[in-house]
PDB file of N, CA and C in Angstrom:
ATOM      1  N   MET A   1      -7.647 -13.451 -10.943  1.00  0.00           N
ATOM      2  CA  MET A   1      -7.268 -12.400 -10.477  1.00  0.00           C
ATOM      3  C   MET A   1      -6.713 -11.438 -11.252  1.00  0.00           C
ATOM      4  N   ARG A   2      -7.255 -10.195 -11.649  1.00  0.00           N
ATOM      5  CA  ARG A   2      -6.396  -9.385 -12.511  1.00  0.00           C
ATOM      6  C   ARG A   2      -6.398  -7.546 -11.834  1.00  0.00           C
ATOM      7  N   ARG A   3      -4.978  -7.424 -11.935  1.00  0.00           N
ATOM      8  CA  ARG A   3      -4.941  -6.031 -11.630  1.00  0.00           C
ATOM      9  C   ARG A   3      -5.555  -4.801 -12.376  1.00  0.00           C
ATOM     10  N   LYS A   4      -5.621  -3.942 -11.972  1.00  0.00           N
ATOM     11  CA  LYS A   4      -6.013  -2.842 -12.880  1.00  0.00           C
ATOM     12  C   LYS A   4      -5.547  -2.791 -14.126  1.00  0.00           C
ATOM     13  N   SER A   5      -4.534  -2.675 -14.471  1.00  0.00           N
ATOM     14  CA  SER A   5      -3.305  -3.126 -15.617  1.00  0.00           C
ATOM     15  C   SER A   5      -4.496  -4.104 -16.741  1.00  0.00           C
ATOM     16  N   GLY A   6      -5.543  -4.639 -16.341  1.00  0.00           N
ATOM     17  CA  GLY A   6      -5.608  -6.126 -16.957  1.00  0.00           C
ATOM     18  C   GLY A   6      -4.450  -7.436 -17.282  1.00  0.00           C
ATOM     19  N   VAL A   7      -3.437  -7.177 -16.703  1.00  0.00           N
ATOM     20  CA  VAL A   7      -2.236  -8.344 -16.771  1.00  0.00           C
ATOM     21  C   VAL A   7      -2.502  -9.195 -15.630  1.00  0.00           C
ATOM     22  N   ASP A   8      -2.369 -10.352 -15.438  1.00  0.00           N
ATOM     23  CA  ASP A   8      -2.677 -11.130 -14.679  1.00  0.00           C
ATOM     24  C   ASP A   8      -1.391 -11.796 -14.062  1.00  0.00           C
ATOM     25  N   PRO A   9      -1.500 -11.573 -12.564  1.00  0.00           N
ATOM     26  CA  PRO A   9      -0.371 -11.531 -11.918  1.00  0.00           C
ATOM     27  C   PRO A   9       0.482 -13.154 -12.117  1.00  0.00           C
ATOM     28  N   SER A  10      -0.066 -14.035 -12.580  1.00  0.00           N
ATOM     29  CA  SER A  10       0.940 -15.450 -12.576  1.00  0.00           C
ATOM     30  C   SER A  10       1.375 -14.871 -13.471  1.00  0.00           C
ATOM     31  N   VAL A  11       1.234 -14.317 -14.713  1.00  0.00           N
ATOM     32  CA  VAL A  11       2.083 -13.962 -15.860  1.00  0.00           C
ATOM     33  C   VAL A  11       3.269 -13.391 -15.810  1.00  0.00           C
ATOM     34  N   ILE A  12       3.190 -12.157 -14.562  1.00  0.00           N
ATOM     35  CA  ILE A  12       4.261 -11.712 -14.269  1.00  0.00           C
ATOM     36  C   ILE A  12       4.992 -12.509 -13.385  1.00  0.00           C
ATOM     37  N   ALA A  13       4.791 -13.030 -12.026  1.00  0.00           N
ATOM     38  CA  ALA A  13       5.657 -14.267 -11.592  1.00  0.00           C
ATOM     39  C   ALA A  13       6.007 -14.997 -12.286  1.00  0.00           C
ATOM     40  N   LEU A  14       5.667 -15.396 -13.505  1.00  0.00           N
ATOM     41  CA  LEU A  14       6.635 -16.325 -14.528  1.00  0.00           C
ATOM     42  C   LEU A  14       7.147 -15.638 -15.451  1.00  0.00           C
ATOM     43  N   LYS A  15       7.013 -14.738 -15.454  1.00  0.00           N
ATOM     44  CA  LYS A  15       7.996 -13.458 -16.580  1.00  0.00           C
ATOM     45  C   LYS A  15       9.438 -13.299 -15.403  1.00  0.00           C
ATOM     46  N   TRP A  16       9.428 -13.069 -14.355  1.00  0.00           N
ATOM     47  CA  TRP A  16      10.596 -12.718 -13.391  1.00  0.00           C
ATOM     48  C   TRP A  16      11.283 -14.023 -12.713  1.00  0.00           C
ATOM     49  N   GLY A  17      10.435 -15.600 -13.035  1.00  0.00           N
ATOM     50  CA  GLY A  17      10.988 -16.514 -12.597  1.00  0.00           C
ATOM     51  C   GLY A  17      10.671 -16.274 -11.025  1.00  0.00           C
ATOM     52  N   ALA A  18       9.271 -16.304 -11.140  1.00  0.00           N
ATOM     53  CA  ALA A  18       8.989 -16.241  -9.719  1.00  0.00           C
ATOM     54  C   ALA A  18       7.952 -17.362  -9.899  1.00  0.00           C
ATOM     55  N   SER A  19       7.896 -17.850  -7.983  1.00  0.00           N
ATOM     56  CA  SER A  19       6.587 -19.073  -8.170  1.00  0.00           C
ATOM     57  C   SER A  19       5.014 -17.945  -7.711  1.00  0.00           C
ATOM     58  N   PHE A  20       3.642 -18.525  -8.630  1.00  0.00           N
ATOM     59  CA  PHE A  20       2.730 -18.168  -8.297  1.00  0.00           C
ATOM     60  C   PHE A  20       1.793 -18.983  -8.020  1.00  0.00           C
ATOM     61  N   ASN A  21       1.030 -19.150  -6.809  1.00  0.00           N
ATOM     62  CA  ASN A  21      -0.167 -20.215  -6.603  1.00  0.00           C
ATOM     63  C   ASN A  21      -0.851 -19.213  -6.024  1.00  0.00           C
ATOM     64  N   ARG A  22      -2.232 -19.548  -7.313  1.00  0.00           N
ATOM     65  CA  ARG A  22      -2.998 -18.871  -7.164  1.00  0.00           C
ATOM     66  C   ARG A  22      -3.995 -19.192  -6.157  1.00  0.00           C
ATOM     67  N   GLU A  23      -3.927 -20.493  -5.791  1.00  0.00           N
ATOM     68  CA  GLU A  23      -4.890 -20.711  -4.454  1.00  0.00           C
ATOM     69  C   GLU A  23      -4.522 -20.255  -3.084  1.00  0.00           C
ATOM     70  N   THR A  24      -3.179 -19.772  -2.615  1.00  0.00           N
ATOM     71  CA  THR A  24      -2.688 -19.392  -1.631  1.00  0.00           C
ATOM     72  C   THR A  24      -2.627 -18.035  -1.795  1.00  0.00           C
ATOM     73  N   THR A  25      -2.422 -17.163  -3.081  1.00  0.00           N
ATOM     74  CA  THR A  25      -2.373 -15.927  -3.276  1.00  0.00           C
ATOM     75  C   THR A  25      -4.028 -15.514  -2.953  1.00  0.00           C
ATOM     76  N   HIS A  26      -4.137 -14.066  -2.065  1.00  0.00           N
ATOM     77  CA  HIS A  26      -5.204 -13.832  -2.100  1.00  0.00           C
ATOM     78  C   HIS A  26      -4.878 -11.494  -1.776  1.00  0.00           C
ATOM     79  N   MET A  27      -5.497 -11.446  -2.538  1.00  0.00           N
ATOM     80  CA  MET A  27      -5.404 -10.111  -1.860  1.00  0.00           C
ATOM     81  C   MET A  27      -7.117  -9.126  -1.463  1.00  0.00           C
ATOM     82  N   THR A  28      -6.657  -8.467  -0.223  1.00  0.00           N
ATOM     83  CA  THR A  28      -7.795  -8.453   0.578  1.00  0.00           C
ATOM     84  C   THR A  28      -8.504  -7.320  -0.039  1.00  0.00           C
ATOM     85  N   THR A  29      -9.817  -7.356  -0.179  1.00  0.00           N
ATOM     86  CA  THR A  29     -10.541  -5.630  -0.656  1.00  0.00           C
ATOM     87  C   THR A  29     -10.893  -4.903   0.701  1.00  0.00           C
ATOM     88  N   GLN A  30     -11.211  -3.742   0.268  1.00  0.00           N
ATOM     89  CA  GLN A  30     -11.709  -2.889   1.639  1.00  0.00           C
ATOM     90  C   GLN A  30     -12.783  -3.766   2.359  1.00  0.00           C
ATOM     91  N   ALA A  31     -14.143  -3.804   1.405  1.00  0.00           N
ATOM     92  CA  ALA A  31     -15.206  -4.760   2.260  1.00  0.00           C
ATOM     93  C   ALA A  31     -14.892  -5.511   2.681  1.00  0.00           C
ATOM     94  N   GLU A  32     -13.640  -6.676   2.159  1.00  0.00           N
ATOM     95  CA  GLU A  32     -13.188  -7.924   3.205  1.00  0.00           C
ATOM     96  C   GLU A  32     -12.983  -7.338   4.028  1.00  0.00           C
ATOM     97  N   LEU A  33     -12.197  -6.057   4.147  1.00  0.00           N
ATOM     98  CA  LEU A  33     -11.320  -6.013   5.745  1.00  0.00           C
ATOM     99  C   LEU A  33     -12.623  -5.954   6.450  1.00  0.00           C
ATOM    100  N   ILE A  34     -13.331  -4.924   5.890  1.00  0.00           N
ATOM    101  CA  ILE A  34     -14.254  -4.046   7.104  1.00  0.00           C
ATOM    102  C   ILE A  34     -15.267  -5.430   7.630  1.00  0.00           C
ATOM    103  N   ALA A  35     -15.837  -6.033   6.783  1.00  0.00           N
ATOM    104  CA  ALA A  35     -16.203  -7.693   7.674  1.00  0.00           C
ATOM    105  C   ALA A  35     -15.515  -8.398   8.699  1.00  0.00           C
ATOM    106  N   ALA A  36     -14.264  -8.199   8.443  1.00  0.00           N
ATOM    107  CA  ALA A  36     -13.642  -9.201   9.300  1.00  0.00           C
ATOM    108  C   ALA A  36     -13.193  -8.208  10.253  1.00  0.00           C
ATOM    109  N   VAL A  37     -13.235  -6.725  10.284  1.00  0.00           N
ATOM    110  CA  VAL A  37     -13.428  -6.283  11.689  1.00  0.00           C
ATOM    111  C   VAL A  37     -14.317  -6.327  12.514  1.00  0.00           C
ATOM    112  N   ALA A  38     -15.705  -5.641  11.417  1.00  0.00           N
ATOM    113  CA  ALA A  38     -16.887  -6.231  12.563  1.00  0.00           C
ATOM    114  C   ALA A  38     -17.002  -7.494  12.746  1.00  0.00           C
ATOM    115  N   LYS A  39     -16.698  -8.078  12.382  1.00  0.00           N
ATOM    116  CA  LYS A  39     -17.021  -9.786  12.528  1.00  0.00           C
ATOM    117  C   LYS A  39     -16.096  -9.700  14.428  1.00  0.00           C
ATOM    118  N   ASP A  40     -14.595  -9.698  14.107  1.00  0.00           N
ATOM    119  CA  ASP A  40     -13.540  -9.935  14.995  1.00  0.00           C
ATOM    120  C   ASP A  40     -14.297  -8.980  16.654  1.00  0.00           C
ATOM    121  N   ALA A  41     -14.776  -7.822  16.217  1.00  0.00           N
ATOM    122  CA  ALA A  41     -14.983  -6.510  17.114  1.00  0.00           C
ATOM    123  C   ALA A  41     -15.669  -6.487  17.693  1.00  0.00           C
ATOM    124  N   GLY A  42     -16.989  -7.424  17.324  1.00  0.00           N
ATOM    125  CA  GLY A  42     -18.347  -7.763  17.328  1.00  0.00           C
ATOM    126  C   GLY A  42     -19.479  -6.224  17.230  1.00  0.00           C
ATOM    127  N   VAL A  43     -19.099  -5.392  15.898  1.00  0.00           N
ATOM    128  CA  VAL A  43     -19.791  -4.349  15.761  1.00  0.00           C
ATOM    129  C   VAL A  43     -20.297  -4.429  14.552  1.00  0.00           C
ATOM    130  N   SER A  44     -21.249  -4.000  14.012  1.00  0.00           N
ATOM    131  CA  SER A  44     -22.327  -3.372  12.347  1.00  0.00           C
ATOM    132  C   SER A  44     -20.690  -3.193  11.328  1.00  0.00           C
ATOM    133  N   GLN A  45     -20.891  -4.056  10.553  1.00  0.00           N
ATOM    134  CA  GLN A  45     -20.153  -3.174   9.323  1.00  0.00           C
ATOM    135  C   GLN A  45     -20.472  -2.128   9.279  1.00  0.00           C
ATOM    136  N   ALA A  46     -21.571  -1.314   9.118  1.00  0.00           N
ATOM    137  CA  ALA A  46     -21.135   0.170   8.652  1.00  0.00           C
ATOM    138  C   ALA A  46     -20.586   0.840   9.880  1.00  0.00           C
ATOM    139  N   ASP A  47     -20.737   0.503  11.191  1.00  0.00           N
ATOM    140  CA  ASP A  47     -19.715   1.523  12.443  1.00  0.00           C
ATOM    141  C   ASP A  47     -18.030   0.586  12.223  1.00  0.00           C
ATOM    142  N   ALA A  48     -17.911  -0.490  11.583  1.00  0.00           N
ATOM    143  CA  ALA A  48     -16.364  -0.615  11.190  1.00  0.00           C
ATOM    144  C   ALA A  48     -16.088   0.140  10.026  1.00  0.00           C
ATOM    145  N   GLY A  49     -16.906  -0.018   9.229  1.00  0.00           N
ATOM    146  CA  GLY A  49     -16.466   1.126   7.878  1.00  0.00           C
ATOM    147  C   GLY A  49     -16.294   2.564   8.234  1.00  0.00           C
ATOM    148  N   ARG A  50     -16.948   2.891   9.087  1.00  0.00           N
ATOM    149  CA  ARG A  50     -17.082   4.082   9.443  1.00  0.00           C
ATOM    150  C   ARG A  50     -15.552   4.366  10.234  1.00  0.00           C
ATOM    151  N   VAL A  51     -15.151   4.010  10.958  1.00  0.00           N
ATOM    152  CA  VAL A  51     -13.963   3.496  11.945  1.00  0.00           C
ATOM    153  C   VAL A  51     -12.815   3.265  10.774  1.00  0.00           C
ATOM    154  N   LEU A  52     -12.701   2.748   9.900  1.00  0.00           N
ATOM    155  CA  LEU A  52     -11.421   2.330   8.845  1.00  0.00           C
ATOM    156  C   LEU A  52     -11.526   3.658   8.053  1.00  0.00           C
ATOM    157  N   ASP A  53     -12.428   4.407   8.041  1.00  0.00           N
ATOM    158  CA  ASP A  53     -12.558   5.315   6.846  1.00  0.00           C
ATOM    159  C   ASP A  53     -11.910   6.551   7.668  1.00  0.00           C
ATOM    160  N   ALA A  54     -12.541   6.844   9.211  1.00  0.00           N
ATOM    161  CA  ALA A  54     -11.968   7.848  10.562  1.00  0.00           C
ATOM    162  C   ALA A  54     -10.213   7.462  10.060  1.00  0.00           C
ATOM    163  N   ILE A  55     -10.420   6.212  10.438  1.00  0.00           N
ATOM    164  CA  ILE A  55      -8.652   5.850  10.882  1.00  0.00           C
ATOM    165  C   ILE A  55      -7.816   6.629   8.927  1.00  0.00           C
ATOM    166  N   VAL A  56      -8.246   6.261   8.300  1.00  0.00           N
ATOM    167  CA  VAL A  56      -7.312   6.307   6.890  1.00  0.00           C
ATOM    168  C   VAL A  56      -7.652   8.368   6.800  1.00  0.00           C
ATOM    169  N   LYS A  57      -8.616   8.760   6.842  1.00  0.00           N
ATOM    170  CA  LYS A  57      -8.949  10.401   7.147  1.00  0.00           C
ATOM    171  C   LYS A  57      -7.951  10.840   7.957  1.00  0.00           C
ATOM    172  N   ASN A  58      -7.883  10.490   8.959  1.00  0.00           N
ATOM    173  CA  ASN A  58      -7.027  10.748   9.894  1.00  0.00           C
ATOM    174  C   ASN A  58      -4.885  10.799   9.813  1.00  0.00           C
ATOM    175  N   ILE A  59      -4.544   9.221   9.021  1.00  0.00           N
ATOM    176  CA  ILE A  59      -3.581   9.151   8.379  1.00  0.00           C
ATOM    177  C   ILE A  59      -3.104  10.256   7.567  1.00  0.00           C
ATOM    178  N   HIS A  60      -4.414  10.155   6.254  1.00  0.00           N
ATOM    179  CA  HIS A  60      -4.029  11.509   5.325  1.00  0.00           C
ATOM    180  C   HIS A  60      -4.002  12.935   5.844  1.00  0.00           C
ATOM    181  N   LYS A  61      -4.273  12.971   6.969  1.00  0.00           N
ATOM    182  CA  LYS A  61      -4.366  14.319   7.361  1.00  0.00           C
ATOM    183  C   LYS A  61      -2.827  14.859   7.956  1.00  0.00           C
ATOM    184  N   SER A  62      -2.390  13.758   9.146  1.00  0.00           N
ATOM    185  CA  SER A  62      -1.066  13.378   9.921  1.00  0.00           C
ATOM    186  C   SER A  62      -0.140  13.739   8.240  1.00  0.00           C
ATOM    187  N   LEU A  63      -0.185  12.833   7.823  1.00  0.00           N
ATOM    188  CA  LEU A  63       0.810  12.866   6.198  1.00  0.00           C
ATOM    189  C   LEU A  63       0.930  14.239   5.649  1.00  0.00           C
ATOM    190  N   THR A  64      -0.356  14.698   5.258  1.00  0.00           N
ATOM    191  CA  THR A  64      -0.524  16.160   4.419  1.00  0.00           C
ATOM    192  C   THR A  64       0.027  17.367   5.588  1.00  0.00           C
ATOM    193  N   SER A  65       0.175  17.336   6.614  1.00  0.00           N
ATOM    194  CA  SER A  65       0.322  18.253   7.450  1.00  0.00           C
ATOM    195  C   SER A  65       2.453  18.015   8.201  1.00  0.00           C
ATOM    196  N   GLY A  66       2.848  17.016   7.607  1.00  0.00           N
ATOM    197  CA  GLY A  66       3.883  16.725   7.730  1.00  0.00           C
ATOM    198  C   GLY A  66       4.282  15.877   8.861  1.00  0.00           C
ATOM    199  N   GLY A  67       3.361  15.354   9.678  1.00  0.00           N
ATOM    200  CA  GLY A  67       4.129  14.443  10.419  1.00  0.00           C
ATOM    201  C   GLY A  67       4.101  12.773   9.992  1.00  0.00           C
ATOM    202  N   ASP A  68       4.402  11.856  10.963  1.00  0.00           N
ATOM    203  CA  ASP A  68       4.573  10.550  10.644  1.00  0.00           C
ATOM    204  C   ASP A  68       3.078   9.990  11.434  1.00  0.00           C
ATOM    205  N   VAL A  69       2.963   8.623  11.110  1.00  0.00           N
ATOM    206  CA  VAL A  69       1.969   7.715  12.095  1.00  0.00           C
ATOM    207  C   VAL A  69       2.786   6.416  12.331  1.00  0.00           C
ATOM    208  N   ARG A  70       3.115   5.742  13.347  1.00  0.00           N
ATOM    209  CA  ARG A  70       3.193   4.888  14.008  1.00  0.00           C
ATOM    210  C   ARG A  70       2.341   3.865  14.995  1.00  0.00           C
ATOM    211  N   ILE A  71       2.192   3.155  14.256  1.00  0.00           N
ATOM    212  CA  ILE A  71       1.070   2.041  14.416  1.00  0.00           C
ATOM    213  C   ILE A  71       2.212   0.686  15.018  1.00  0.00           C
ATOM    214  N   SER A  72       1.884   0.609  16.555  1.00  0.00           N
ATOM    215  CA  SER A  72       2.438  -0.572  16.575  1.00  0.00           C
ATOM    216  C   SER A  72       1.958  -2.342  16.132  1.00  0.00           C
ATOM    217  N   ASN A  73       3.266  -2.888  15.977  1.00  0.00           N
ATOM    218  CA  ASN A  73       2.840  -4.258  15.417  1.00  0.00           C
ATOM    219  C   ASN A  73       2.617  -4.242  14.081  1.00  0.00           C
ATOM    220  N   LEU A  74       2.479  -2.956  13.179  1.00  0.00           N
ATOM    221  CA  LEU A  74       2.248  -2.587  11.734  1.00  0.00           C
ATOM    222  C   LEU A  74       3.524  -2.149  10.992  1.00  0.00           C
ATOM    223  N   GLY A  75       3.644  -0.730  11.469  1.00  0.00           N
ATOM    224  CA  GLY A  75       4.523   0.317  10.877  1.00  0.00           C
ATOM    225  C   GLY A  75       4.571   1.861  10.895  1.00  0.00           C
ATOM    226  N   VAL A  76       5.274   2.675  10.105  1.00  0.00           N
ATOM    227  CA  VAL A  76       5.339   3.683  10.424  1.00  0.00           C
ATOM    228  C   VAL A  76       4.796   4.421   8.999  1.00  0.00           C
ATOM    229  N   PHE A  77       3.902   5.019   9.162  1.00  0.00           N
ATOM    230  CA  PHE A  77       3.799   6.014   7.591  1.00  0.00           C
ATOM    231  C   PHE A  77       4.367   7.051   7.337  1.00  0.00           C
ATOM    232  N   ASP A  78       5.093   7.800   6.778  1.00  0.00           N
ATOM    233  CA  ASP A  78       5.472   8.988   6.953  1.00  0.00           C
ATOM    234  C   ASP A  78       5.967   9.158   5.498  1.00  0.00           C
ATOM    235  N   THR A  79       6.336  10.806   4.848  1.00  0.00           N
ATOM    236  CA  THR A  79       6.947  10.960   4.010  1.00  0.00           C
ATOM    237  C   THR A  79       8.402  11.512   3.293  1.00  0.00           C
ATOM    238  N   ALA A  80       9.270  11.585   2.360  1.00  0.00           N
ATOM    239  CA  ALA A  80       9.921  11.572   1.948  1.00  0.00           C
ATOM    240  C   ALA A  80      10.447  12.646   0.891  1.00  0.00           C
ATOM    241  N   ALA A  81      11.146  13.855   0.884  1.00  0.00           N
ATOM    242  CA  ALA A  81      11.249  14.508  -0.353  1.00  0.00           C
ATOM    243  C   ALA A  81      11.960  14.224  -1.331  1.00  0.00           C
ATOM    244  N   ARG A  82      11.733  14.374  -2.210  1.00  0.00           N
ATOM    245  CA  ARG A  82      12.426  14.000  -3.684  1.00  0.00           C
ATOM    246  C   ARG A  82      12.919  15.114  -4.644  1.00  0.00           C
ATOM    247  N   ALA A  83      14.085  15.676  -4.495  1.00  0.00           N
ATOM    248  CA  ALA A  83      14.507  16.227  -5.331  1.00  0.00           C
ATOM    249  C   ALA A  83      14.612  16.364  -6.669  1.00  0.00           C
ATOM    250  N   ALA A  84      14.577  17.564  -7.624  1.00  0.00           N
ATOM    251  CA  ALA A  84      14.294  17.893  -8.701  1.00  0.00           C
ATOM    252  C   ALA A  84      15.604  17.191  -9.530  1.00  0.00           C
ATOM    253  N   ARG A  85      14.920  16.503 -11.003  1.00  0.00           N
ATOM    254  CA  ARG A  85      16.131  15.692 -11.387  1.00  0.00           C
ATOM    255  C   ARG A  85      15.818  15.325 -12.763  1.00  0.00           C
ATOM    256  N   GLU A  86      16.858  15.020 -13.537  1.00  0.00           N
ATOM    257  CA  GLU A  86      16.863  14.975 -15.147  1.00  0.00           C
ATOM    258  C   GLU A  86      16.042  13.334 -15.276  1.00  0.00           C
ATOM    259  N   GLY A  87      15.625  13.114 -16.554  1.00  0.00           N
ATOM    260  CA  GLY A  87      15.160  11.759 -16.836  1.00  0.00           C
ATOM    261  C   GLY A  87      14.982  11.602 -18.026  1.00  0.00           C
ATOM    262  N   ARG A  88      13.927  10.730 -19.031  1.00  0.00           N
ATOM    263  CA  ARG A  88      14.501  10.426 -20.251  1.00  0.00           C
ATOM    264  C   ARG A  88      12.750   9.789 -20.344  1.00  0.00           C
ATOM    265  N   ASN A  89      12.278  10.730 -21.928  1.00  0.00           N
ATOM    266  CA  ASN A  89      11.382  10.410 -21.894  1.00  0.00           C
ATOM    267  C   ASN A  89      11.280   8.946 -22.584  1.00  0.00           C
ATOM    268  N   PRO A  90      10.973   7.594 -22.293  1.00  0.00           N
ATOM    269  CA  PRO A  90      11.388   6.237 -23.054  1.00  0.00           C
ATOM    270  C   PRO A  90      10.720   6.143 -24.244  1.00  0.00           C
ATOM    271  N   ALA A  91       9.823   7.072 -24.797  1.00  0.00           N
ATOM    272  CA  ALA A  91       9.266   7.265 -26.234  1.00  0.00           C
ATOM    273  C   ALA A  91      10.292   7.684 -27.275  1.00  0.00           C
ATOM    274  N   THR A  92      10.319   9.192 -26.487  1.00  0.00           N
ATOM    275  CA  THR A  92      11.502   9.601 -27.674  1.00  0.00           C
ATOM    276  C   THR A  92      13.049   9.683 -27.148  1.00  0.00           C
ATOM    277  N   GLY A  93      13.058   9.255 -26.320  1.00  0.00           N
ATOM    278  CA  GLY A  93      14.534   9.683 -25.477  1.00  0.00           C
ATOM    279  C   GLY A  93      14.755  11.040 -24.915  1.00  0.00           C
ATOM    280  N   ALA A  94      13.737  11.862 -25.414  1.00  0.00           N
ATOM    281  CA  ALA A  94      13.945  13.024 -25.039  1.00  0.00           C
ATOM    282  C   ALA A  94      14.496  13.885 -23.698  1.00  0.00           C
ATOM    283  N   THR A  95      15.308  14.283 -23.080  1.00  0.00           N
ATOM    284  CA  THR A  95      15.270  14.719 -21.816  1.00  0.00           C
ATOM    285  C   THR A  95      14.480  15.776 -20.985  1.00  0.00           C
ATOM    286  N   ILE A  96      14.142  15.108 -20.241  1.00  0.00           N
ATOM    287  CA  ILE A  96      12.815  15.958 -19.534  1.00  0.00           C
ATOM    288  C   ILE A  96      13.026  16.485 -17.944  1.00  0.00           C
ATOM    289  N   LYS A  97      12.368  17.239 -17.433  1.00  0.00           N
ATOM    290  CA  LYS A  97      13.123  18.194 -16.017  1.00  0.00           C
ATOM    291  C   LYS A  97      11.655  17.200 -15.150  1.00  0.00           C
ATOM    292  N   ILE A  98      12.447  16.532 -14.102  1.00  0.00           N
ATOM    293  CA  ILE A  98      11.155  16.156 -13.273  1.00  0.00           C
ATOM    294  C   ILE A  98      10.958  16.992 -12.068  1.00  0.00           C
ATOM    295  N   ALA A  99      10.215  17.741 -11.240  1.00  0.00           N
ATOM    296  CA  ALA A  99       9.342  18.289 -10.454  1.00  0.00           C
ATOM    297  C   ALA A  99       9.632  17.881  -9.331  1.00  0.00           C
ATOM    298  N   ALA A 100      10.313  18.339  -8.016  1.00  0.00           N
ATOM    299  CA  ALA A 100      10.655  17.802  -6.914  1.00  0.00           C
ATOM    300  C   ALA A 100       9.430  17.381  -6.454  1.00  0.00           C
ATOM    301  N   SER A 101       9.403  16.523  -5.640  1.00  0.00           N
ATOM    302  CA  SER A 101       8.169  16.101  -5.103  1.00  0.00           C
ATOM    303  C   SER A 101       8.536  15.724  -3.618  1.00  0.00           C
ATOM    304  N   LYS A 102       6.507  14.717  -2.825  1.00  0.00           N
ATOM    305  CA  LYS A 102       7.047  14.224  -1.877  1.00  0.00           C
ATOM    306  C   LYS A 102       6.297  12.770  -2.025  1.00  0.00           C
ATOM    307  N   ALA A 103       7.209  11.891  -1.274  1.00  0.00           N
ATOM    308  CA  ALA A 103       6.614  10.433  -1.687  1.00  0.00           C
ATOM    309  C   ALA A 103       5.932  10.220  -0.170  1.00  0.00           C
ATOM    310  N   VAL A 104       5.335   9.570  -0.273  1.00  0.00           N
ATOM    311  CA  VAL A 104       4.623   8.461   1.038  1.00  0.00           C
ATOM    312  C   VAL A 104       5.416   7.293   1.204  1.00  0.00           C
ATOM    313  N   ARG A 105       6.046   7.212   2.309  1.00  0.00           N
ATOM    314  CA  ARG A 105       6.850   5.986   2.737  1.00  0.00           C
ATOM    315  C   ARG A 105       5.901   5.097   3.715  1.00  0.00           C
ATOM    316  N   PHE A 106       6.517   4.125   3.519  1.00  0.00           N
ATOM    317  CA  PHE A 106       5.915   2.992   4.894  1.00  0.00           C
ATOM    318  C   PHE A 106       6.502   1.815   4.823  1.00  0.00           C
ATOM    319  N   ARG A 107       7.253   1.590   6.542  1.00  0.00           N
ATOM    320  CA  ARG A 107       8.650   0.940   6.994  1.00  0.00           C
ATOM    321  C   ARG A 107       7.718   0.207   7.598  1.00  0.00           C
ATOM    322  N   VAL A 108       7.807  -1.550   7.320  1.00  0.00           N
ATOM    323  CA  VAL A 108       7.040  -1.973   8.227  1.00  0.00           C
ATOM    324  C   VAL A 108       7.737  -2.746   9.852  1.00  0.00           C
ATOM    325  N   SER A 109       6.739  -2.798  10.687  1.00  0.00           N
ATOM    326  CA  SER A 109       7.716  -3.335  11.837  1.00  0.00           C
ATOM    327  C   SER A 109       8.118  -4.702  12.163  1.00  0.00           C
ATOM    328  N   LYS A 110       8.751  -4.329  12.984  1.00  0.00           N
ATOM    329  CA  LYS A 110       9.788  -5.798  12.677  1.00  0.00           C
ATOM    330  C   LYS A 110       8.858  -7.159  13.309  1.00  0.00           C
ATOM    331  N   PRO A 111       8.165  -7.075  13.962  1.00  0.00           N
ATOM    332  CA  PRO A 111       7.244  -8.314  14.379  1.00  0.00           C
ATOM    333  C   PRO A 111       5.868  -8.208  13.258  1.00  0.00           C
ATOM    334  N   LEU A 112       5.938  -7.655  12.106  1.00  0.00           N
ATOM    335  CA  LEU A 112       4.970  -7.579  11.062  1.00  0.00           C
ATOM    336  C   LEU A 112       5.934  -8.573  10.394  1.00  0.00           C
ATOM    337  N   LYS A 113       6.903  -8.212   9.796  1.00  0.00           N
ATOM    338  CA  LYS A 113       8.035  -8.586   9.001  1.00  0.00           C
ATOM    339  C   LYS A 113       8.502 -10.406   9.702  1.00  0.00           C
ATOM    340  N   ASP A 114       8.672 -10.242  10.888  1.00  0.00           N
ATOM    341  CA  ASP A 114       8.872 -11.850  11.264  1.00  0.00           C
ATOM    342  C   ASP A 114       7.855 -12.681  11.322  1.00  0.00           C
ATOM    343  N   ALA A 115       6.871 -11.962  11.324  1.00  0.00           N
ATOM    344  CA  ALA A 115       5.243 -12.866  11.119  1.00  0.00           C
ATOM    345  C   ALA A 115       5.299 -13.258   9.676  1.00  0.00           C
ATOM    346  N   VAL A 116       5.496 -12.341   8.807  1.00  0.00           N
ATOM    347  CA  VAL A 116       5.287 -12.837   7.286  1.00  0.00           C
ATOM    348  C   VAL A 116       6.258 -13.918   6.750  1.00  0.00           C
ATOM    349  N   ASN A 117       8.026 -13.395   7.775  1.00  0.00           N
ATOM    350  CA  ASN A 117       8.558 -14.106   7.176  1.00  0.00           C
ATOM    351  C   ASN A 117       8.670 -15.618   7.656  1.00  0.00           C
ATOM    352  N   SER A 118       7.741 -15.998   8.956  1.00  0.00           N
ATOM    353  CA  SER A 118       7.985 -17.535   9.143  1.00  0.00           C
ATOM    354  C   SER A 118       6.905 -18.796   8.953  1.00  0.00           C
TER     355      SER A 118
END
């Protein structure tokens, strides 16, 4: 399994002293998620794909209009304002101005956090 950067996650884990088990580590793709939802809901994969697209579209719509999205047993998607600040170009060391921006945040729900940590 390789990330977009082409770096093997096991190399990153070893570099930072973390354990990495390739057999138990699995990244679910959108296609796998759609297939699982279709199977669990007893609908076609096309219908499950349209539902997932609609959910993502409505999350985008809510966040871009300044709202938040709360999903029970999953968490909360919201935005946070980042102030303008000064930073440094790592290649040259020159000071640069970083413009103010908004960042999307996700805060996990307690039931999900507890399930992951059990």
